[in-house]
Amino acid sequence: MLIFSFLVGGVAGSLYFGGLWYTVRQLPATNRPALLLLGSFLLRLTLLLGALYLLTSAHWSYLLSALVGLLLARTLLIRHWGPKGMTRDT
């Protein structure tokens, strides 16, 4: 069940951050950017919180596993879609 929670978190994170990326890409082409941002945010947040809520009804460790999956999806999407050629100062 922990692996399933991890995968649910990864999919939810991919949908959330992928939806954010798509929304930002659509902003220049829309006549109502505020409505697009608000609608996208509400939809993405509803899906994310719904998935996490279903996992919390079972056990807190499932929620923790899902959050790790969500953060991993975020990290992978940032590396894939992020600025190219930038180095990180350590």
C-alpha atoms as a PDB file:
ATOM      1  CA  MET A   1       0.000   0.000   0.000  1.00  0.00           C
ATOM      2  CA  LEU A   2       2.940   2.356   0.587  1.00  0.00           C
ATOM      3  CA  ILE A   3       4.103   1.887  -2.988  1.00  0.00           C
ATOM      4  CA  PHE A   4       0.575   2.574  -4.231  1.00  0.00           C
ATOM      5  CA  SER A   5       0.451   5.758  -2.136  1.00  0.00           C
ATOM      6  CA  PHE A   6       3.813   6.815  -3.512  1.00  0.00           C
ATOM      7  CA  LEU A   7       2.544   6.310  -7.067  1.00  0.00           C
ATOM      8  CA  VAL A   8      -0.692   8.190  -6.335  1.00  0.00           C
ATOM      9  CA  GLY A   9       1.376  11.072  -4.984  1.00  0.00           C
ATOM     10  CA  GLY A  10       3.591  11.016  -8.052  1.00  0.00           C
ATOM     11  CA  VAL A  11       0.635  11.060 -10.429  1.00  0.00           C
ATOM     12  CA  ALA A  12      -1.126  13.786  -8.426  1.00  0.00           C
ATOM     13  CA  GLY A  13       2.062  15.863  -8.375  1.00  0.00           C
ATOM     14  CA  SER A  14       2.567  15.372 -12.098  1.00  0.00           C
ATOM     15  CA  LEU A  15      -0.996  16.482 -12.788  1.00  0.00           C
ATOM     16  CA  TYR A  16      -0.688  19.470 -10.465  1.00  0.00           C
ATOM     17  CA  PHE A  17       2.633  20.775 -11.730  1.00  0.00           C
ATOM     18  CA  GLY A  18       1.985  19.716 -15.328  1.00  0.00           C
ATOM     19  CA  GLY A  19      -1.292  21.629 -15.190  1.00  0.00           C
ATOM     20  CA  LEU A  20       0.541  24.643 -13.804  1.00  0.00           C
ATOM     21  CA  TRP A  21       3.083  24.481 -16.623  1.00  0.00           C
ATOM     22  CA  TYR A  22       0.299  24.203 -19.217  1.00  0.00           C
ATOM     23  CA  THR A  23      -1.604  27.118 -17.670  1.00  0.00           C
ATOM     24  CA  VAL A  24       1.434  29.394 -17.694  1.00  0.00           C
ATOM     25  CA  ARG A  25       2.093  28.488 -21.335  1.00  0.00           C
ATOM     26  CA  GLN A  26      -1.494  29.439 -22.243  1.00  0.00           C
ATOM     27  CA  LEU A  27      -1.460  32.854 -20.534  1.00  0.00           C
ATOM     28  CA  PRO A  28      -0.206  34.895 -23.522  1.00  0.00           C
ATOM     29  CA  ALA A  29      -2.971  33.511 -25.757  1.00  0.00           C
ATOM     30  CA  THR A  30      -5.917  34.166 -23.440  1.00  0.00           C
ATOM     31  CA  ASN A  31      -8.079  37.256 -23.104  1.00  0.00           C
ATOM     32  CA  ARG A  32      -8.822  36.573 -19.422  1.00  0.00           C
ATOM     33  CA  PRO A  33      -5.590  35.519 -17.707  1.00  0.00           C
ATOM     34  CA  ALA A  34      -6.917  35.997 -14.177  1.00  0.00           C
ATOM     35  CA  LEU A  35      -9.851  33.684 -14.840  1.00  0.00           C
ATOM     36  CA  LEU A  36      -7.549  31.089 -16.388  1.00  0.00           C
ATOM     37  CA  LEU A  37      -5.185  31.214 -13.409  1.00  0.00           C
ATOM     38  CA  LEU A  38      -7.965  31.017 -10.841  1.00  0.00           C
ATOM     39  CA  GLY A  39      -9.835  28.234 -12.622  1.00  0.00           C
ATOM     40  CA  SER A  40      -6.666  26.222 -13.136  1.00  0.00           C
ATOM     41  CA  PHE A  41      -5.605  26.677  -9.529  1.00  0.00           C
ATOM     42  CA  LEU A  42      -8.973  25.570  -8.167  1.00  0.00           C
ATOM     43  CA  LEU A  43      -9.098  22.509 -10.420  1.00  0.00           C
ATOM     44  CA  ARG A  44      -5.514  21.471  -9.668  1.00  0.00           C
ATOM     45  CA  LEU A  45      -5.929  22.019  -5.941  1.00  0.00           C
ATOM     46  CA  THR A  46      -9.204  20.094  -5.822  1.00  0.00           C
ATOM     47  CA  LEU A  47      -7.658  17.092  -7.571  1.00  0.00           C
ATOM     48  CA  LEU A  48      -4.552  17.150  -5.392  1.00  0.00           C
ATOM     49  CA  LEU A  49      -6.366  17.540  -2.091  1.00  0.00           C
ATOM     50  CA  GLY A  50      -8.937  14.933  -3.092  1.00  0.00           C
ATOM     51  CA  ALA A  51      -6.227  12.370  -3.763  1.00  0.00           C
ATOM     52  CA  LEU A  52      -4.413  13.175  -0.525  1.00  0.00           C
ATOM     53  CA  TYR A  53      -7.660  13.111   1.471  1.00  0.00           C
ATOM     54  CA  LEU A  54      -8.475   9.614   0.255  1.00  0.00           C
ATOM     55  CA  LEU A  55      -5.056   8.427   1.386  1.00  0.00           C
ATOM     56  CA  THR A  56      -5.277  10.009   4.838  1.00  0.00           C
ATOM     57  CA  SER A  57      -8.357   7.992   5.735  1.00  0.00           C
ATOM     58  CA  ALA A  58      -6.234   4.857   5.887  1.00  0.00           C
ATOM     59  CA  HIS A  59      -3.047   5.782   7.767  1.00  0.00           C
ATOM     60  CA  TRP A  60      -0.640   8.708   8.130  1.00  0.00           C
ATOM     61  CA  SER A  61       2.230   6.720   6.593  1.00  0.00           C
ATOM     62  CA  TYR A  62       0.308   6.533   3.309  1.00  0.00           C
ATOM     63  CA  LEU A  63       0.039  10.313   3.265  1.00  0.00           C
ATOM     64  CA  LEU A  64       3.756  10.632   3.933  1.00  0.00           C
ATOM     65  CA  SER A  65       4.530   8.209   1.121  1.00  0.00           C
ATOM     66  CA  ALA A  66       2.267  10.176  -1.243  1.00  0.00           C
ATOM     67  CA  LEU A  67       3.979  13.443  -0.302  1.00  0.00           C
ATOM     68  CA  VAL A  68       7.375  11.931  -1.122  1.00  0.00           C
ATOM     69  CA  GLY A  69       5.996  10.871  -4.507  1.00  0.00           C
ATOM     70  CA  LEU A  70       4.598  14.353  -5.063  1.00  0.00           C
ATOM     71  CA  LEU A  71       7.931  16.004  -4.271  1.00  0.00           C
ATOM     72  CA  LEU A  72       9.784  13.577  -6.508  1.00  0.00           C
ATOM     73  CA  ALA A  73       7.412  14.376  -9.387  1.00  0.00           C
ATOM     74  CA  ARG A  74       7.974  18.093  -8.774  1.00  0.00           C
ATOM     75  CA  THR A  75      11.748  17.660  -8.824  1.00  0.00           C
ATOM     76  CA  LEU A  76      11.682  15.605 -12.014  1.00  0.00           C
ATOM     77  CA  LEU A  77       9.393  18.070 -13.793  1.00  0.00           C
ATOM     78  CA  ILE A  78      11.574  21.015 -12.779  1.00  0.00           C
ATOM     79  CA  ARG A  79      14.620  19.240 -14.182  1.00  0.00           C
ATOM     80  CA  HIS A  80      12.756  18.405 -17.388  1.00  0.00           C
ATOM     81  CA  TRP A  81      11.058  21.782 -17.995  1.00  0.00           C
ATOM     82  CA  GLY A  82      13.355  24.097 -16.063  1.00  0.00           C
ATOM     83  CA  PRO A  83      15.870  26.549 -17.491  1.00  0.00           C
ATOM     84  CA  LYS A  84      18.597  24.898 -19.510  1.00  0.00           C
ATOM     85  CA  GLY A  85      22.256  25.610 -18.928  1.00  0.00           C
ATOM     86  CA  MET A  86      21.882  27.036 -15.419  1.00  0.00           C
ATOM     87  CA  THR A  87      24.136  25.647 -12.736  1.00  0.00           C
ATOM     88  CA  ARG A  88      23.394  25.503  -9.091  1.00  0.00           C
ATOM     89  CA  ASP A  89      25.734  27.181  -6.601  1.00  0.00           C
ATOM     90  CA  THR A  90      26.704  24.898  -3.747  1.00  0.00           C
END
